[in-house]
């Protein structure tokens, strides 16, 4: 019975080690990646019609 619990602990330890390795690999890939920001045509339309917070609050209370 004690061997069963020991093997369970080993599996958990191995799973945690694999998780840590995957987290490190993913973090390394994110650090090495370069991202390009793009603005879509719809975003341009939204930005051009943007209003300030005070103006929005004024219109919302009317």
PDB file of N, CA and C in Angstrom:
ATOM      1  N   UNK A   1       0.828  -1.200   0.000  1.00  0.00           N
ATOM      2  CA  UNK A   1       0.000   0.000   0.000  1.00  0.00           C
ATOM      3  C   UNK A   1       0.869   1.259   0.000  1.00  0.00           C
ATOM      4  N   UNK A   2       1.959   1.220   0.764  1.00  0.00           N
ATOM      5  CA  UNK A   2       2.842   2.379   0.845  1.00  0.00           C
ATOM      6  C   UNK A   2       3.522   2.645  -0.499  1.00  0.00           C
ATOM      7  N   UNK A   3       3.817   1.574  -1.247  1.00  0.00           N
ATOM      8  CA  UNK A   3       4.411   1.734  -2.577  1.00  0.00           C
ATOM      9  C   UNK A   3       3.462   2.477  -3.506  1.00  0.00           C
ATOM     10  N   UNK A   4       2.170   2.223  -3.340  1.00  0.00           N
ATOM     11  CA  UNK A   4       1.162   2.902  -4.167  1.00  0.00           C
ATOM     12  C   UNK A   4       1.219   4.410  -3.951  1.00  0.00           C
ATOM     13  N   UNK A   5       1.264   4.841  -2.695  1.00  0.00           N
ATOM     14  CA  UNK A   5       1.300   6.273  -2.397  1.00  0.00           C
ATOM     15  C   UNK A   5       2.599   6.906  -2.879  1.00  0.00           C
ATOM     16  N   UNK A   6       3.693   6.160  -2.779  1.00  0.00           N
ATOM     17  CA  UNK A   6       4.981   6.677  -3.234  1.00  0.00           C
ATOM     18  C   UNK A   6       4.961   6.897  -4.744  1.00  0.00           C
ATOM     19  N   UNK A   7       4.371   5.941  -5.472  1.00  0.00           N
ATOM     20  CA  UNK A   7       4.301   6.093  -6.926  1.00  0.00           C
ATOM     21  C   UNK A   7       3.369   7.242  -7.303  1.00  0.00           C
ATOM     22  N   UNK A   8       2.313   7.438  -6.534  1.00  0.00           N
ATOM     23  CA  UNK A   8       1.411   8.576  -6.766  1.00  0.00           C
ATOM     24  C   UNK A   8       2.159   9.893  -6.581  1.00  0.00           C
ATOM     25  N   UNK A   9       2.968   9.981  -5.517  1.00  0.00           N
ATOM     26  CA  UNK A   9       3.743  11.192  -5.255  1.00  0.00           C
ATOM     27  C   UNK A   9       4.734  11.447  -6.381  1.00  0.00           C
ATOM     28  N   UNK A  10       5.335  10.374  -6.911  1.00  0.00           N
ATOM     29  CA  UNK A  10       6.290  10.520  -8.009  1.00  0.00           C
ATOM     30  C   UNK A  10       5.589  11.041  -9.260  1.00  0.00           C
ATOM     31  N   UNK A  11       4.379  10.551  -9.532  1.00  0.00           N
ATOM     32  CA  UNK A  11       3.627  11.021 -10.692  1.00  0.00           C
ATOM     33  C   UNK A  11       3.281  12.499 -10.556  1.00  0.00           C
ATOM     34  N   UNK A  12       2.872  12.900  -9.371  1.00  0.00           N
ATOM     35  CA  UNK A  12       2.535  14.303  -9.133  1.00  0.00           C
ATOM     36  C   UNK A  12       3.776  15.170  -9.293  1.00  0.00           C
ATOM     37  N   UNK A  13       4.892  14.723  -8.736  1.00  0.00           N
ATOM     38  CA  UNK A  13       6.150  15.466  -8.845  1.00  0.00           C
ATOM     39  C   UNK A  13       6.572  15.585 -10.303  1.00  0.00           C
ATOM     40  N   UNK A  14       6.455  14.499 -11.049  1.00  0.00           N
ATOM     41  CA  UNK A  14       6.820  14.512 -12.465  1.00  0.00           C
ATOM     42  C   UNK A  14       5.904  15.461 -13.245  1.00  0.00           C
ATOM     43  N   UNK A  15       4.616  15.430 -12.949  1.00  0.00           N
ATOM     44  CA  UNK A  15       3.667  16.314 -13.633  1.00  0.00           C
ATOM     45  C   UNK A  15       3.982  17.781 -13.342  1.00  0.00           C
ATOM     46  N   UNK A  16       4.323  18.088 -12.099  1.00  0.00           N
ATOM     47  CA  UNK A  16       4.670  19.466 -11.744  1.00  0.00           C
ATOM     48  C   UNK A  16       5.950  19.910 -12.448  1.00  0.00           C
ATOM     49  N   UNK A  17       6.925  19.020 -12.543  1.00  0.00           N
ATOM     50  CA  UNK A  17       8.166  19.345 -13.253  1.00  0.00           C
ATOM     51  C   UNK A  17       7.894  19.610 -14.733  1.00  0.00           C
ATOM     52  N   UNK A  18       7.054  18.769 -15.345  1.00  0.00           N
ATOM     53  CA  UNK A  18       6.706  18.964 -16.755  1.00  0.00           C
ATOM     54  C   UNK A  18       5.962  20.277 -16.954  1.00  0.00           C
ATOM     55  N   UNK A  19       5.074  20.610 -16.019  1.00  0.00           N
ATOM     56  CA  UNK A  19       4.342  21.873 -16.102  1.00  0.00           C
ATOM     57  C   UNK A  19       5.310  23.053 -16.043  1.00  0.00           C
ATOM     58  N   UNK A  20       6.241  22.998 -15.102  1.00  0.00           N
ATOM     59  CA  UNK A  20       7.218  24.078 -14.971  1.00  0.00           C
ATOM     60  C   UNK A  20       8.056  24.223 -16.239  1.00  0.00           C
ATOM     61  N   UNK A  21       8.431  23.091 -16.837  1.00  0.00           N
ATOM     62  CA  UNK A  21       9.207  23.125 -18.073  1.00  0.00           C
ATOM     63  C   UNK A  21       8.396  23.755 -19.204  1.00  0.00           C
ATOM     64  N   UNK A  22       7.123  23.379 -19.313  1.00  0.00           N
ATOM     65  CA  UNK A  22       6.269  23.956 -20.356  1.00  0.00           C
ATOM     66  C   UNK A  22       6.077  25.456 -20.155  1.00  0.00           C
ATOM     67  N   UNK A  23       5.890  25.876 -18.915  1.00  0.00           N
ATOM     68  CA  UNK A  23       5.739  27.306 -18.625  1.00  0.00           C
ATOM     69  C   UNK A  23       6.994  28.053 -19.051  1.00  0.00           C
ATOM     70  N   UNK A  24       8.160  27.484 -18.762  1.00  0.00           N
ATOM     71  CA  UNK A  24       9.421  28.126 -19.142  1.00  0.00           C
ATOM     72  C   UNK A  24       9.549  28.200 -20.657  1.00  0.00           C
ATOM     73  N   UNK A  25       9.217  27.109 -21.361  1.00  0.00           N
ATOM     74  CA  UNK A  25       9.309  27.104 -22.821  1.00  0.00           C
ATOM     75  C   UNK A  25       8.380  28.146 -23.434  1.00  0.00           C
ATOM     76  N   UNK A  26       7.155  28.228 -22.930  1.00  0.00           N
ATOM     77  CA  UNK A  26       6.188  29.196 -23.448  1.00  0.00           C
ATOM     78  C   UNK A  26       6.661  30.615 -23.173  1.00  0.00           C
ATOM     79  N   UNK A  27       7.147  30.859 -21.971  1.00  0.00           N
ATOM     80  CA  UNK A  27       7.646  32.196 -21.621  1.00  0.00           C
ATOM     81  C   UNK A  27       8.818  32.593 -22.511  1.00  0.00           C
ATOM     82  N   UNK A  28       9.711  31.655 -22.771  1.00  0.00           N
ATOM     83  CA  UNK A  28      10.853  31.939 -23.646  1.00  0.00           C
ATOM     84  C   UNK A  28      10.393  32.283 -25.058  1.00  0.00           C
ATOM     85  N   UNK A  29       9.411  31.538 -25.562  1.00  0.00           N
ATOM     86  CA  UNK A  29       8.907  31.818 -26.910  1.00  0.00           C
ATOM     87  C   UNK A  29       8.228  33.186 -26.975  1.00  0.00           C
ATOM     88  N   UNK A  30       7.481  33.546 -25.942  1.00  0.00           N
ATOM     89  CA  UNK A  30       6.826  34.856 -25.905  1.00  0.00           C
ATOM     90  C   UNK A  30       7.873  35.962 -25.857  1.00  0.00           C
ATOM     91  N   UNK A  31       8.914  35.765 -25.055  1.00  0.00           N
ATOM     92  CA  UNK A  31       9.979  36.766 -24.959  1.00  0.00           C
ATOM     93  C   UNK A  31      10.697  36.958 -26.292  1.00  0.00           C
ATOM     94  N   UNK A  32      10.883  35.874 -27.043  1.00  0.00           N
ATOM     95  CA  UNK A  32      11.589  35.945 -28.322  1.00  0.00           C
ATOM     96  C   UNK A  32      10.703  36.470 -29.447  1.00  0.00           C
ATOM     97  N   UNK A  33       9.397  36.379 -29.291  1.00  0.00           N
ATOM     98  CA  UNK A  33       8.468  36.774 -30.356  1.00  0.00           C
ATOM     99  C   UNK A  33       8.439  38.290 -30.499  1.00  0.00           C
ATOM    100  N   UNK A  34       8.181  38.712 -31.711  1.00  0.00           N
ATOM    101  CA  UNK A  34       7.979  40.147 -31.929  1.00  0.00           C
ATOM    102  C   UNK A  34       6.570  40.308 -32.492  1.00  0.00           C
ATOM    103  N   UNK A  35       5.829  41.209 -31.901  1.00  0.00           N
ATOM    104  CA  UNK A  35       4.443  41.394 -32.279  1.00  0.00           C
ATOM    105  C   UNK A  35       4.292  42.692 -33.060  1.00  0.00           C
ATOM    106  N   UNK A  36       3.436  42.659 -34.045  1.00  0.00           N
ATOM    107  CA  UNK A  36       3.169  43.837 -34.855  1.00  0.00           C
ATOM    108  C   UNK A  36       1.740  44.268 -34.577  1.00  0.00           C
ATOM    109  N   UNK A  37       1.585  45.524 -34.256  1.00  0.00           N
ATOM    110  CA  UNK A  37       0.253  46.060 -33.981  1.00  0.00           C
ATOM    111  C   UNK A  37      -0.332  46.602 -35.278  1.00  0.00           C
ATOM    112  N   UNK A  38      -1.538  46.206 -35.586  1.00  0.00           N
ATOM    113  CA  UNK A  38      -2.195  46.710 -36.792  1.00  0.00           C
ATOM    114  C   UNK A  38      -3.527  47.332 -36.408  1.00  0.00           C
ATOM    115  N   UNK A  39      -3.944  48.290 -37.205  1.00  0.00           N
ATOM    116  CA  UNK A  39      -5.246  48.922 -36.997  1.00  0.00           C
ATOM    117  C   UNK A  39      -6.117  48.565 -38.191  1.00  0.00           C
ATOM    118  N   UNK A  40      -7.250  47.989 -37.907  1.00  0.00           N
ATOM    119  CA  UNK A  40      -8.174  47.605 -38.966  1.00  0.00           C
ATOM    120  C   UNK A  40      -9.010  48.817 -39.367  1.00  0.00           C
ATOM    121  N   UNK A  41      -9.562  48.817 -40.572  1.00  0.00           N
ATOM    122  CA  UNK A  41     -10.373  49.964 -41.019  1.00  0.00           C
ATOM    123  C   UNK A  41     -11.510  50.321 -40.064  1.00  0.00           C
ATOM    124  N   UNK A  42     -12.166  49.331 -39.476  1.00  0.00           N
ATOM    125  CA  UNK A  42     -13.261  49.623 -38.543  1.00  0.00           C
ATOM    126  C   UNK A  42     -12.750  50.332 -37.300  1.00  0.00           C
ATOM    127  N   UNK A  43     -11.555  49.973 -36.863  1.00  0.00           N
ATOM    128  CA  UNK A  43     -10.979  50.633 -35.697  1.00  0.00           C
ATOM    129  C   UNK A  43     -10.716  52.106 -35.998  1.00  0.00           C
ATOM    130  N   UNK A  44     -10.273  52.397 -37.223  1.00  0.00           N
ATOM    131  CA  UNK A  44     -10.053  53.797 -37.615  1.00  0.00           C
ATOM    132  C   UNK A  44     -11.345  54.588 -37.514  1.00  0.00           C
ATOM    133  N   UNK A  45     -12.447  53.989 -37.950  1.00  0.00           N
ATOM    134  CA  UNK A  45     -13.742  54.678 -37.891  1.00  0.00           C
ATOM    135  C   UNK A  45     -14.152  54.944 -36.447  1.00  0.00           C
ATOM    136  N   UNK A  46     -13.933  53.967 -35.587  1.00  0.00           N
ATOM    137  CA  UNK A  46     -14.284  54.121 -34.174  1.00  0.00           C
ATOM    138  C   UNK A  46     -13.445  55.222 -33.543  1.00  0.00           C
ATOM    139  N   UNK A  47     -12.148  55.208 -33.811  1.00  0.00           N
ATOM    140  CA  UNK A  47     -11.258  56.217 -33.224  1.00  0.00           C
ATOM    141  C   UNK A  47     -11.613  57.619 -33.705  1.00  0.00           C
ATOM    142  N   UNK A  48     -12.039  57.750 -34.952  1.00  0.00           N
ATOM    143  CA  UNK A  48     -12.353  59.082 -35.474  1.00  0.00           C
ATOM    144  C   UNK A  48     -13.625  59.649 -34.849  1.00  0.00           C
ATOM    145  N   UNK A  49     -14.519  58.796 -34.362  1.00  0.00           N
ATOM    146  CA  UNK A  49     -15.771  59.263 -33.747  1.00  0.00           C
ATOM    147  C   UNK A  49     -15.703  59.267 -32.225  1.00  0.00           C
ATOM    148  N   UNK A  50     -14.530  59.099 -31.686  1.00  0.00           N
ATOM    149  CA  UNK A  50     -14.347  59.054 -30.237  1.00  0.00           C
ATOM    150  C   UNK A  50     -14.697  60.391 -29.597  1.00  0.00           C
ATOM    151  N   UNK A  51     -15.359  60.322 -28.442  1.00  0.00           N
ATOM    152  CA  UNK A  51     -15.679  61.547 -27.703  1.00  0.00           C
ATOM    153  C   UNK A  51     -15.106  61.437 -26.294  1.00  0.00           C
ATOM    154  N   UNK A  52     -14.956  62.567 -25.657  1.00  0.00           N
ATOM    155  CA  UNK A  52     -14.390  62.595 -24.315  1.00  0.00           C
ATOM    156  C   UNK A  52     -15.358  62.072 -23.266  1.00  0.00           C
ATOM    157  N   UNK A  53     -14.828  61.804 -22.086  1.00  0.00           N
ATOM    158  CA  UNK A  53     -15.622  61.249 -20.989  1.00  0.00           C
ATOM    159  C   UNK A  53     -16.719  62.222 -20.564  1.00  0.00           C
ATOM    160  N   UNK A  54     -16.378  63.506 -20.449  1.00  0.00           N
ATOM    161  CA  UNK A  54     -17.361  64.511 -20.029  1.00  0.00           C
ATOM    162  C   UNK A  54     -18.488  64.647 -21.046  1.00  0.00           C
ATOM    163  N   UNK A  55     -18.124  64.674 -22.324  1.00  0.00           N
ATOM    164  CA  UNK A  55     -19.139  64.791 -23.375  1.00  0.00           C
ATOM    165  C   UNK A  55     -20.054  63.560 -23.380  1.00  0.00           C
ATOM    166  N   UNK A  56     -19.475  62.380 -23.179  1.00  0.00           N
ATOM    167  CA  UNK A  56     -20.268  61.154 -23.121  1.00  0.00           C
ATOM    168  C   UNK A  56     -21.241  61.197 -21.945  1.00  0.00           C
ATOM    169  N   UNK A  57     -20.756  61.622 -20.787  1.00  0.00           N
ATOM    170  CA  UNK A  57     -21.606  61.700 -19.597  1.00  0.00           C
ATOM    171  C   UNK A  57     -22.738  62.688 -19.817  1.00  0.00           C
ATOM    172  N   UNK A  58     -22.441  63.801 -20.478  1.00  0.00           N
ATOM    173  CA  UNK A  58     -23.463  64.809 -20.761  1.00  0.00           C
ATOM    174  C   UNK A  58     -24.544  64.230 -21.676  1.00  0.00           C
ATOM    175  N   UNK A  59     -24.117  63.533 -22.731  1.00  0.00           N
ATOM    176  CA  UNK A  59     -25.082  62.934 -23.658  1.00  0.00           C
ATOM    177  C   UNK A  59     -25.877  61.810 -22.990  1.00  0.00           C
ATOM    178  N   UNK A  60     -25.250  61.076 -22.106  1.00  0.00           N
ATOM    179  CA  UNK A  60     -25.914  59.949 -21.450  1.00  0.00           C
ATOM    180  C   UNK A  60     -26.984  60.411 -20.467  1.00  0.00           C
ATOM    181  N   UNK A  61     -26.818  61.593 -19.886  1.00  0.00           N
ATOM    182  CA  UNK A  61     -27.789  62.075 -18.902  1.00  0.00           C
ATOM    183  C   UNK A  61     -28.932  62.850 -19.540  1.00  0.00           C
ATOM    184  N   UNK A  62     -28.864  63.096 -20.825  1.00  0.00           N
ATOM    185  CA  UNK A  62     -29.949  63.843 -21.486  1.00  0.00           C
ATOM    186  C   UNK A  62     -31.138  62.971 -21.752  1.00  0.00           C
TER     187      UNK A  62
END
